[in-house]
């Protein structure tokens, strides 16, 4: 039986951001960074593999660790710059990408922090044990130091092998020139998958070079990703705005690429006229993949009230006749191919795609780079740990829901009708259930005053059809709720 797919698409305990999805054979494989639950830095873990059947994208299988940090021979050699806060610690591996080379093997491209190089590992299978191969370089072993070798994306096809890299921050990596950086850059590789055989070409202008170009309002910042569908090449990137993934199109892998729009915002800004974030903003990275006959954008969200514990999500894209895409709406149903069946299913509250705190103005800013989940903060967030007393099978929940907070789910199908609601909560406060509009009519109210996880339930007017489901929190100044799960029947 086909499993229900939700967002985030991996188990609640897993944190794989920067997801690059690829269909190899009859399975979807996702390659990404590896954050820690409640971590204090990006990408603390080794690379892990996850895959799912193309025809059952809710059934994800853990493939284990596919590449360890200590497999890079530069670890501990002093050949890579060490910032003061990382001295003596292993170098971190940032967002990778993978392709199948001309020889049929699979090549994993990645960067070590502060190395300004792209490294390659190779494996005979898409999710086996990758082994270090080498560093991307010119035939003489050097590379162009005017490029930020960061966030690699790779495309291997009959016409050649193409590597896309770049980061365009105002602050350059150590040893880099003071001249403006171009932005997203492409170089062609030899069939050995390591040797650069072309001059670099700018495919997306960065903040220092975007003025007067198509990219001026959404300049390239980082997170290169590349795909080829039909007659078009799609270059996906994270803009200077940070929370959004944008894209550009070209008939050729080297460009020129023309900016076309936003694919997804992890705050849902821009969808249906949204000018206020529907979820807290943070950095973003991902890619497009065609799964069956549908296109999806993979992206990531932030948990724990900061930027260092990110989880992969995916949402459907609509392709227009001219090859462009409409901006995706972030949802709780993601890869499910349709709304989640409401009746009789218990869902983790942490799959909420709408999460607002009482201070809406503060949501317009990016999340802080240091997690700070103290009770005094008004920000609600996805929390998680192996905590005694939590509902069996759950390792994440919505925390710090203060009066004025809203959390919601898009979309649920109430086929067969539902007349009851049960929500697992702890703390003190009131919940009001609304459909389709967080400020719409109240269908039901639940109240709780319990320090431990408790199921609150009650009747609701008969609901049918497909709806967005919202819960609004009210109560006294000191009230606060945590929510673990919900169920309609």
Protein backbone atom coordinates (compact mmCIF):
# COMPACT_ATOMS: atom_id res chain seq x y z
CA UNK A 1 0.00 0.00 0.00
CA UNK A 2 1.27 3.47 -0.91
CA UNK A 3 2.38 5.45 2.15
CA UNK A 4 1.12 8.93 2.97
CA UNK A 5 3.83 11.50 2.20
CA UNK A 6 4.19 14.63 4.33
CA UNK A 7 6.52 17.62 4.69
CA UNK A 8 9.20 17.29 5.90
CA UNK A 9 9.49 14.14 3.82
CA UNK A 10 12.10 12.37 6.00
CA UNK A 11 11.48 11.11 9.56
CA UNK A 12 11.09 13.75 12.25
CA UNK A 13 14.49 12.91 13.76
CA UNK A 14 16.42 13.53 10.53
CA UNK A 15 17.94 16.84 9.41
CA UNK A 16 19.10 16.81 5.78
CA UNK A 17 18.96 20.30 4.25
CA UNK A 18 20.29 21.54 0.87
CA UNK A 19 18.57 18.57 -0.75
CA UNK A 20 19.47 17.71 -4.34
CA UNK A 21 16.96 15.13 -5.62
CA UNK A 22 17.87 12.76 -8.45
CA UNK A 23 15.97 9.88 -9.99
CA UNK A 24 18.33 6.97 -10.69
CA UNK A 25 16.49 3.92 -11.98
CA UNK A 26 13.18 3.57 -10.18
CA UNK A 27 14.17 5.44 -7.00
CA UNK A 28 14.50 9.04 -5.86
CA UNK A 29 17.79 9.75 -4.09
CA UNK A 30 18.39 12.89 -2.05
CA UNK A 31 21.89 14.25 -1.47
CA UNK A 32 22.23 16.98 1.10
CA UNK A 33 24.13 18.39 4.04
CA UNK A 34 23.61 16.85 7.46
CA UNK A 35 22.61 19.02 10.40
CA UNK A 36 22.18 17.94 14.01
CA UNK A 37 19.02 18.00 16.10
CA UNK A 38 19.55 21.20 18.11
CA UNK A 39 23.01 21.81 16.60
CA UNK A 40 24.99 25.01 17.01
CA UNK A 41 26.62 25.04 13.55
CA UNK A 42 25.71 24.14 9.97
CA UNK A 43 26.47 20.69 8.53
CA UNK A 44 27.94 18.96 11.58
CA UNK A 45 27.27 15.43 10.38
CA UNK A 46 28.63 13.04 7.77
CA UNK A 47 26.71 12.64 4.52
CA UNK A 48 23.82 10.19 4.79
CA UNK A 49 21.72 8.64 2.04
CA UNK A 50 17.95 8.48 1.72
CA UNK A 51 15.88 7.09 -1.14
CA UNK A 52 12.26 6.33 -2.00
CA UNK A 53 10.46 4.54 -4.83
CA UNK A 54 9.37 6.85 -7.64
CA UNK A 55 5.84 5.48 -7.35
CA UNK A 56 5.74 5.70 -3.52
CA UNK A 57 7.51 8.93 -2.45
CA UNK A 58 6.29 8.60 1.13
CA UNK A 59 8.28 5.41 1.71
CA UNK A 60 11.79 6.72 2.44
CA UNK A 61 14.60 4.28 3.19
CA UNK A 62 17.71 5.13 5.16
CA UNK A 63 20.79 4.13 3.16
CA UNK A 64 23.22 4.84 6.00
CA UNK A 65 26.32 7.02 6.01
CA UNK A 66 27.50 7.31 2.41
CA UNK A 67 30.59 9.51 2.98
CA UNK A 68 32.38 10.54 6.17
CA UNK A 69 34.19 13.80 6.87
CA UNK A 70 37.36 11.91 7.80
CA UNK A 71 37.53 10.36 4.31
CA UNK A 72 38.75 13.69 2.93
CA UNK A 73 42.57 13.46 3.21
CA UNK A 74 42.88 17.18 3.97
CA UNK A 75 41.32 16.79 7.40
CA UNK A 76 43.84 17.63 10.09
CA UNK A 77 46.65 18.47 7.66
CA UNK A 78 46.59 22.24 8.14
CA UNK A 79 46.15 22.74 4.38
CA UNK A 80 42.70 24.30 4.80
CA UNK A 81 42.10 27.63 6.55
CA UNK A 82 40.82 27.20 10.10
CA UNK A 83 38.74 30.03 11.59
CA UNK A 84 39.36 30.61 15.30
CA UNK A 85 36.08 28.98 16.37
CA UNK A 86 36.87 25.77 14.42
CA UNK A 87 40.56 25.20 15.25
CA UNK A 88 41.27 21.58 16.06
CA UNK A 89 37.82 20.46 14.88
CA UNK A 90 37.03 18.49 11.72
CA UNK A 91 36.24 20.58 8.67
CA UNK A 92 32.55 20.58 7.77
CA UNK A 93 31.16 19.27 4.50
CA UNK A 94 28.68 21.61 2.88
CA UNK A 95 25.91 21.07 0.31
CA UNK A 96 26.79 18.27 -2.16
CA UNK A 97 25.45 17.18 -5.52
CA UNK A 98 25.69 13.90 -7.41
CA UNK A 99 25.57 12.69 -11.00
CA UNK A 100 26.16 9.53 -12.97
CA UNK A 101 29.31 9.89 -15.03
CA UNK A 102 30.05 8.65 -18.56
CA UNK A 103 31.53 5.47 -17.07
CA UNK A 104 28.31 4.63 -15.24
CA UNK A 105 29.70 5.37 -11.79
CA UNK A 106 28.27 7.99 -9.43
CA UNK A 107 30.22 11.13 -8.54
CA UNK A 108 29.61 13.17 -5.39
CA UNK A 109 30.77 16.82 -5.48
CA UNK A 110 31.20 18.77 -2.23
CA UNK A 111 33.17 21.50 -0.49
CA UNK A 112 34.96 21.59 2.84
CA UNK A 113 34.41 24.75 4.85
CA UNK A 114 36.87 27.56 4.03
CA UNK A 115 38.73 25.42 1.48
CA UNK A 116 37.64 27.28 -1.68
CA UNK A 117 37.87 23.99 -3.56
CA UNK A 118 35.44 21.40 -4.87
CA UNK A 119 36.23 17.79 -3.99
CA UNK A 120 34.88 14.65 -5.62
CA UNK A 121 34.09 11.19 -4.28
CA UNK A 122 33.01 8.22 -6.38
CA UNK A 123 30.94 5.06 -5.94
CA UNK A 124 29.60 2.25 -8.14
CA UNK A 125 26.07 2.73 -6.77
CA UNK A 126 24.03 5.86 -6.00
CA UNK A 127 23.89 5.21 -2.26
CA UNK A 128 26.85 3.05 -1.45
CA UNK A 129 30.14 3.93 0.21
CA UNK A 130 31.69 6.80 -1.72
CA UNK A 131 35.49 7.02 -1.81
CA UNK A 132 37.59 10.17 -2.17
CA UNK A 133 38.70 10.75 -5.78
CA UNK A 134 40.34 14.18 -5.93
CA UNK A 135 40.03 17.97 -6.23
CA UNK A 136 38.56 19.75 -9.25
CA UNK A 137 41.37 21.68 -10.90
CA UNK A 138 42.98 22.77 -14.15
CA UNK A 139 45.40 20.32 -15.86
CA UNK A 140 48.33 21.90 -13.99
CA UNK A 141 46.64 21.33 -10.61
CA UNK A 142 45.63 24.97 -10.03
CA UNK A 143 42.22 26.65 -10.19
CA UNK A 144 40.87 30.14 -10.82
CA UNK A 145 41.01 31.95 -7.48
CA UNK A 146 38.66 34.68 -8.73
CA UNK A 147 35.81 32.20 -8.28
CA UNK A 148 34.17 31.19 -5.03
CA UNK A 149 34.33 27.37 -5.26
CA UNK A 150 31.27 26.70 -3.14
CA UNK A 151 27.94 24.82 -3.33
CA UNK A 152 28.71 22.70 -6.40
CA UNK A 153 26.04 21.48 -8.82
CA UNK A 154 26.87 19.02 -11.56
CA UNK A 155 25.26 17.91 -14.81
CA UNK A 156 26.58 14.99 -16.87
CA UNK A 157 25.00 14.29 -20.25
CA UNK A 158 26.01 13.34 -23.79
CA UNK A 159 27.15 16.88 -24.58
CA UNK A 160 29.58 16.94 -21.65
CA UNK A 161 30.06 17.35 -17.92
CA UNK A 162 29.26 20.76 -16.45
CA UNK A 163 30.10 22.04 -12.96
CA UNK A 164 28.32 25.07 -11.48
CA UNK A 165 29.70 26.80 -8.38
CA UNK A 166 29.70 30.11 -6.63
CA UNK A 167 28.90 32.29 -3.69
CA UNK A 168 28.62 36.04 -3.86
CA UNK A 169 28.80 37.43 -0.34
CA UNK A 170 30.29 40.84 0.26
CA UNK A 171 32.94 39.22 2.50
CA UNK A 172 35.27 37.04 0.40
CA UNK A 173 36.93 33.83 1.52
CA UNK A 174 40.52 34.17 2.83
CA UNK A 175 43.05 34.60 0.02
CA UNK A 176 40.50 35.76 -2.52
CA UNK A 177 40.87 39.00 -4.51
CA UNK A 178 39.08 42.21 -3.62
CA UNK A 179 37.59 42.55 -7.11
CA UNK A 180 33.84 41.87 -7.52
CA UNK A 181 32.92 38.20 -7.73
CA UNK A 182 30.81 37.30 -10.77
CA UNK A 183 28.21 35.15 -8.98
CA UNK A 184 27.16 31.73 -10.23
CA UNK A 185 29.82 30.27 -12.55
CA UNK A 186 30.02 27.24 -14.89
CA UNK A 187 33.11 25.32 -15.99
CA UNK A 188 33.22 22.25 -18.19
CA UNK A 189 34.96 19.09 -16.93
CA UNK A 190 36.75 16.31 -18.75
CA UNK A 191 35.37 12.78 -18.65
CA UNK A 192 37.66 12.10 -15.67
CA UNK A 193 35.12 14.27 -13.74
CA UNK A 194 37.98 16.29 -12.19
CA UNK A 195 39.83 18.31 -14.81
CA UNK A 196 38.59 21.74 -15.89
CA UNK A 197 38.67 22.04 -19.69
CA UNK A 198 37.00 25.44 -20.27
CA UNK A 199 37.13 29.04 -19.18
CA UNK A 200 34.63 29.96 -16.43
CA UNK A 201 31.34 31.51 -17.58
CA UNK A 202 29.03 33.57 -15.37
CA UNK A 203 25.52 32.10 -15.48
CA UNK A 204 23.87 34.26 -12.78
CA UNK A 205 25.04 37.66 -11.61
CA UNK A 206 25.78 38.08 -7.92
CA UNK A 207 25.24 41.07 -5.67
CA UNK A 208 28.47 42.73 -6.86
CA UNK A 209 27.70 42.44 -10.60
CA UNK A 210 23.89 42.26 -10.87
CA UNK A 211 23.08 45.95 -11.34
CA UNK A 212 21.50 46.52 -14.75
CA UNK A 213 20.98 42.79 -15.42
CA UNK A 214 17.98 40.43 -15.20
CA UNK A 215 19.25 39.40 -11.79
CA UNK A 216 19.33 42.85 -10.18
CA UNK A 217 16.25 42.41 -7.97
CA UNK A 218 17.14 38.81 -7.04
CA UNK A 219 20.93 38.53 -7.31
CA UNK A 220 22.67 35.20 -7.01
CA UNK A 221 23.98 34.48 -3.52
CA UNK A 222 24.69 30.72 -3.27
CA UNK A 223 23.11 27.24 -3.64
CA UNK A 224 23.71 26.43 -7.31
CA UNK A 225 21.56 23.68 -8.80
CA UNK A 226 21.19 22.63 -12.45
CA UNK A 227 18.63 20.56 -14.39
CA UNK A 228 17.83 19.83 -18.03
CA UNK A 229 14.18 19.25 -18.96
CA UNK A 230 13.17 19.15 -22.60
CA UNK A 231 14.74 22.04 -24.54
CA UNK A 232 15.62 24.02 -21.44
CA UNK A 233 18.39 24.15 -18.85
CA UNK A 234 17.26 25.40 -15.44
CA UNK A 235 19.74 27.06 -13.11
CA UNK A 236 18.32 27.23 -9.57
CA UNK A 237 19.94 29.35 -6.86
CA UNK A 238 19.36 31.08 -3.54
CA UNK A 239 19.07 34.84 -3.95
CA UNK A 240 20.47 37.53 -1.70
CA UNK A 241 17.04 37.54 -0.01
CA UNK A 242 18.05 34.14 1.41
CA UNK A 243 14.66 32.55 1.96
CA UNK A 244 13.81 32.11 -1.71
CA UNK A 245 15.00 29.80 -4.46
CA UNK A 246 15.02 31.53 -7.85
CA UNK A 247 15.70 30.20 -11.31
CA UNK A 248 17.00 31.17 -14.73
CA UNK A 249 16.61 29.42 -18.07
CA UNK A 250 18.78 28.84 -21.12
CA UNK A 251 18.83 26.69 -24.24
CA UNK A 252 22.47 25.80 -23.55
CA UNK A 253 24.26 24.57 -20.42
CA UNK A 254 26.77 27.46 -20.57
CA UNK A 255 24.03 30.07 -21.02
CA UNK A 256 23.30 32.84 -21.37
CA UNK A 257 20.69 32.31 -18.68
CA UNK A 258 17.72 34.66 -18.25
CA UNK A 259 16.17 35.22 -14.83
CA UNK A 260 12.61 33.88 -14.70
CA UNK A 261 11.32 34.11 -11.15
CA UNK A 262 10.96 32.57 -7.71
CA UNK A 263 10.32 28.84 -7.35
CA UNK A 264 9.69 28.72 -3.60
CA UNK A 265 10.06 30.81 -0.45
CA UNK A 266 10.41 29.01 2.88
CA UNK A 267 8.22 31.76 4.34
CA UNK A 268 5.72 31.44 1.44
CA UNK A 269 6.29 35.09 0.60
CA UNK A 270 4.81 36.00 -2.77
CA UNK A 271 2.27 33.15 -2.95
CA UNK A 272 -1.33 34.35 -3.32
CA UNK A 273 -0.16 37.89 -2.64
CA UNK A 274 1.51 37.05 0.69
CA UNK A 275 3.56 39.98 1.93
CA UNK A 276 3.92 38.61 5.46
CA UNK A 277 5.84 35.37 6.14
CA UNK A 278 3.71 32.33 6.89
CA UNK A 279 6.74 30.56 8.39
CA UNK A 280 9.98 31.85 9.88
CA UNK A 281 12.57 32.86 7.32
CA UNK A 282 16.01 31.31 6.98
CA UNK A 283 18.48 30.33 4.29
CA UNK A 284 17.33 28.01 1.50
CA UNK A 285 18.85 25.50 -0.91
CA UNK A 286 17.43 22.78 -3.14
CA UNK A 287 16.73 21.59 -6.65
CA UNK A 288 14.01 20.56 -9.11
CA UNK A 289 13.25 16.99 -10.03
CA UNK A 290 10.68 15.36 -12.28
CA UNK A 291 9.10 12.45 -10.43
CA UNK A 292 6.71 10.51 -12.61
CA UNK A 293 4.88 13.17 -14.61
CA UNK A 294 5.14 15.90 -11.96
CA UNK A 295 7.83 18.45 -11.14
CA UNK A 296 8.84 19.22 -7.56
CA UNK A 297 11.07 21.80 -5.93
CA UNK A 298 13.03 20.48 -2.96
CA UNK A 299 13.83 23.10 -0.30
CA UNK A 300 14.42 23.25 3.45
CA UNK A 301 12.83 24.76 6.54
CA UNK A 302 14.27 25.68 9.93
CA UNK A 303 13.55 24.21 13.35
CA UNK A 304 14.59 24.86 16.96
CA UNK A 305 14.17 28.62 16.49
CA UNK A 306 17.49 29.06 14.68
CA UNK A 307 19.25 28.20 11.41
CA UNK A 308 21.30 25.14 12.35
CA UNK A 309 18.71 22.33 12.40
CA UNK A 310 17.16 22.26 8.95
CA UNK A 311 14.79 19.71 7.44
CA UNK A 312 14.12 18.89 3.79
CA UNK A 313 10.72 19.62 2.26
CA UNK A 314 9.35 19.36 -1.29
CA UNK A 315 6.38 20.88 -3.09
CA UNK A 316 4.81 20.50 -6.50
CA UNK A 317 5.60 22.93 -9.30
CA UNK A 318 3.32 23.81 -12.21
CA UNK A 319 5.12 24.04 -15.55
CA UNK A 320 3.65 26.46 -18.07
CA UNK A 321 3.57 25.80 -21.85
CA UNK A 322 6.66 28.02 -22.35
CA UNK A 323 8.69 25.95 -19.87
CA UNK A 324 8.51 28.44 -17.00
CA UNK A 325 7.29 27.46 -13.54
CA UNK A 326 4.81 29.14 -11.21
CA UNK A 327 5.98 29.70 -7.65
CA UNK A 328 5.18 26.69 -5.47
CA UNK A 329 3.03 27.01 -2.39
CA UNK A 330 4.58 25.38 0.67
CA UNK A 331 2.35 22.67 2.08
CA UNK A 332 2.17 19.86 4.59
CA UNK A 333 1.41 17.29 1.87
CA UNK A 334 4.49 17.84 -0.32
CA UNK A 335 5.20 14.72 -2.37
CA UNK A 336 1.83 13.13 -1.57
CA UNK A 337 0.36 14.06 -4.96
CA UNK A 338 -2.73 15.51 -3.28
CA UNK A 339 -4.16 16.52 0.10
CA UNK A 340 -3.62 14.42 3.21
CA UNK A 341 -6.57 12.19 4.16
CA UNK A 342 -7.94 13.72 7.35
CA UNK A 343 -10.20 11.04 8.71
CA UNK A 344 -8.63 8.58 11.15
CA UNK A 345 -5.01 9.61 10.63
CA UNK A 346 -2.86 11.04 13.40
CA UNK A 347 -0.41 13.66 12.11
CA UNK A 348 2.59 15.20 13.85
CA UNK A 349 1.90 18.86 14.56
CA UNK A 350 5.44 19.54 13.35
CA UNK A 351 4.34 19.06 9.72
CA UNK A 352 2.66 22.47 10.00
CA UNK A 353 3.51 24.60 6.97
CA UNK A 354 2.06 27.77 8.53
CA UNK A 355 3.72 28.90 11.76
CA UNK A 356 3.40 32.46 13.03
CA UNK A 357 4.16 33.96 16.40
CA UNK A 358 2.32 36.84 18.04
CA UNK A 359 4.98 39.29 16.83
CA UNK A 360 4.32 39.30 13.07
CA UNK A 361 6.72 42.19 12.39
CA UNK A 362 9.66 40.20 13.78
CA UNK A 363 9.01 37.45 11.25
CA UNK A 364 10.17 39.66 8.39
CA UNK A 365 13.75 39.19 9.62
CA UNK A 366 15.83 36.07 9.03
CA UNK A 367 16.16 33.70 11.98
CA UNK A 368 19.22 34.35 14.14
CA UNK A 369 22.41 32.42 13.49
CA UNK A 370 22.44 31.28 17.10
CA UNK A 371 19.52 29.24 18.46
CA UNK A 372 17.89 30.81 21.48
CA UNK A 373 14.81 28.88 22.50
CA UNK A 374 14.40 30.44 25.93
CA UNK A 375 10.84 30.64 27.28
CA UNK A 376 10.99 34.44 27.15
CA UNK A 377 11.07 34.42 23.36
CA UNK A 378 7.72 34.70 21.61
CA UNK A 379 8.77 32.73 18.53
CA UNK A 380 7.08 29.33 18.16
CA UNK A 381 9.30 26.64 16.70
CA UNK A 382 9.59 22.96 15.87
CA UNK A 383 11.37 21.24 18.72
CA UNK A 384 12.48 17.66 19.17
CA UNK A 385 14.42 15.22 21.29
CA UNK A 386 14.06 11.79 22.89
CA UNK A 387 12.15 13.16 25.85
CA UNK A 388 10.55 11.00 28.53
CA UNK A 389 6.78 11.22 28.50
CA UNK A 390 6.43 12.33 24.89
CA UNK A 391 3.80 10.57 22.75
CA UNK A 392 5.08 7.22 21.52
CA UNK A 393 6.59 7.38 18.04
CA UNK A 394 7.07 11.15 18.05
CA UNK A 395 10.31 13.04 18.25
CA UNK A 396 9.15 16.50 17.26
CA UNK A 397 6.45 18.95 18.22
CA UNK A 398 5.47 22.61 18.00
CA UNK A 399 6.82 24.48 21.01
CA UNK A 400 6.26 27.88 22.63
CA UNK A 401 2.81 28.58 21.17
CA UNK A 402 1.93 31.86 22.90
CA UNK A 403 -1.38 33.76 22.65
CA UNK A 404 -1.52 35.22 19.15
CA UNK A 405 0.35 32.32 17.53
CA UNK A 406 -1.12 30.51 14.51
CA UNK A 407 -0.19 27.12 13.10
CA UNK A 408 -1.74 25.48 10.09
CA UNK A 409 -1.72 22.60 7.61
CA UNK A 410 -2.32 22.62 3.85
CA UNK A 411 -4.18 20.63 2.76
CA UNK A 412 -6.44 18.00 4.37
CA UNK A 413 -9.19 16.09 2.55
CA UNK A 414 -12.21 15.40 4.78
CA UNK A 415 -13.63 12.64 2.59
CA UNK A 416 -16.46 10.87 4.38
CA UNK A 417 -16.88 13.76 6.82
CA UNK A 418 -15.40 14.39 10.26
CA UNK A 419 -17.19 15.36 13.48
CA UNK A 420 -14.47 15.11 16.15
CA UNK A 421 -11.03 16.58 16.80
CA UNK A 422 -8.30 15.31 19.17
CA UNK A 423 -5.09 17.27 19.81
CA UNK A 424 -2.18 16.25 22.05
CA UNK A 425 -1.03 19.28 24.05
CA UNK A 426 0.81 20.35 27.16
CA UNK A 427 0.79 23.69 28.97
CA UNK A 428 -2.03 26.17 29.35
CA UNK A 429 -4.10 28.04 26.81
CA UNK A 430 -6.92 27.86 24.29
CA UNK A 431 -6.98 26.59 20.71
CA UNK A 432 -9.52 27.66 18.12
CA UNK A 433 -10.02 25.62 14.92
CA UNK A 434 -10.63 27.46 11.66
CA UNK A 435 -10.73 26.31 8.05
CA UNK A 436 -9.20 28.04 5.00
CA UNK A 437 -8.65 31.38 6.76
CA UNK A 438 -6.79 31.84 10.07
CA UNK A 439 -9.12 34.74 10.81
CA UNK A 440 -12.29 32.97 9.67
CA UNK A 441 -15.19 31.59 11.70
CA UNK A 442 -14.30 29.39 14.69
CA UNK A 443 -15.50 25.80 14.27
CA UNK A 444 -14.37 24.47 17.62
CA UNK A 445 -12.40 25.44 20.72
CA UNK A 446 -10.22 23.39 23.03
CA UNK A 447 -8.81 24.44 26.41
CA UNK A 448 -5.98 22.86 28.37
CA UNK A 449 -4.21 23.38 31.67
CA UNK A 450 -1.85 20.42 32.12
CA UNK A 451 1.94 20.30 32.56
CA UNK A 452 2.21 16.87 30.89
CA UNK A 453 1.16 15.70 27.43
CA UNK A 454 -2.63 15.42 27.45
CA UNK A 455 -5.14 14.68 24.72
CA UNK A 456 -7.78 17.40 24.42
CA UNK A 457 -10.77 16.53 22.27
CA UNK A 458 -14.23 17.66 21.34
CA UNK A 459 -16.90 17.68 18.71
CA UNK A 460 -16.81 19.81 15.56
CA UNK A 461 -19.46 20.63 12.96
CA UNK A 462 -19.44 18.05 10.17
CA UNK A 463 -16.61 18.89 7.76
CA UNK A 464 -16.34 17.65 4.18
CA UNK A 465 -14.18 18.61 1.21
CA UNK A 466 -10.54 19.73 1.06
CA UNK A 467 -9.40 22.54 3.35
CA UNK A 468 -6.46 24.34 4.87
CA UNK A 469 -6.65 23.81 8.64
CA UNK A 470 -5.58 26.52 11.09
CA UNK A 471 -5.31 26.68 14.87
CA UNK A 472 -5.07 30.02 16.68
CA UNK A 473 -3.84 30.30 20.25
CA UNK A 474 -5.34 32.57 22.90
CA UNK A 475 -5.15 32.96 26.66
CA UNK A 476 -3.47 34.97 29.37
CA UNK A 477 -0.12 36.71 29.16
CA UNK A 478 1.73 33.79 30.82
CA UNK A 479 0.00 31.07 28.84
CA UNK A 480 1.95 28.78 26.52
CA UNK A 481 1.16 25.54 24.71
CA UNK A 482 3.17 22.82 23.03
CA UNK A 483 1.41 20.67 20.44
CA UNK A 484 2.50 17.13 19.46
CA UNK A 485 -0.18 15.81 17.12
CA UNK A 486 -3.76 16.05 15.89
CA UNK A 487 -6.43 13.71 14.61
CA UNK A 488 -9.84 14.11 13.00
CA UNK A 489 -12.52 11.43 13.13
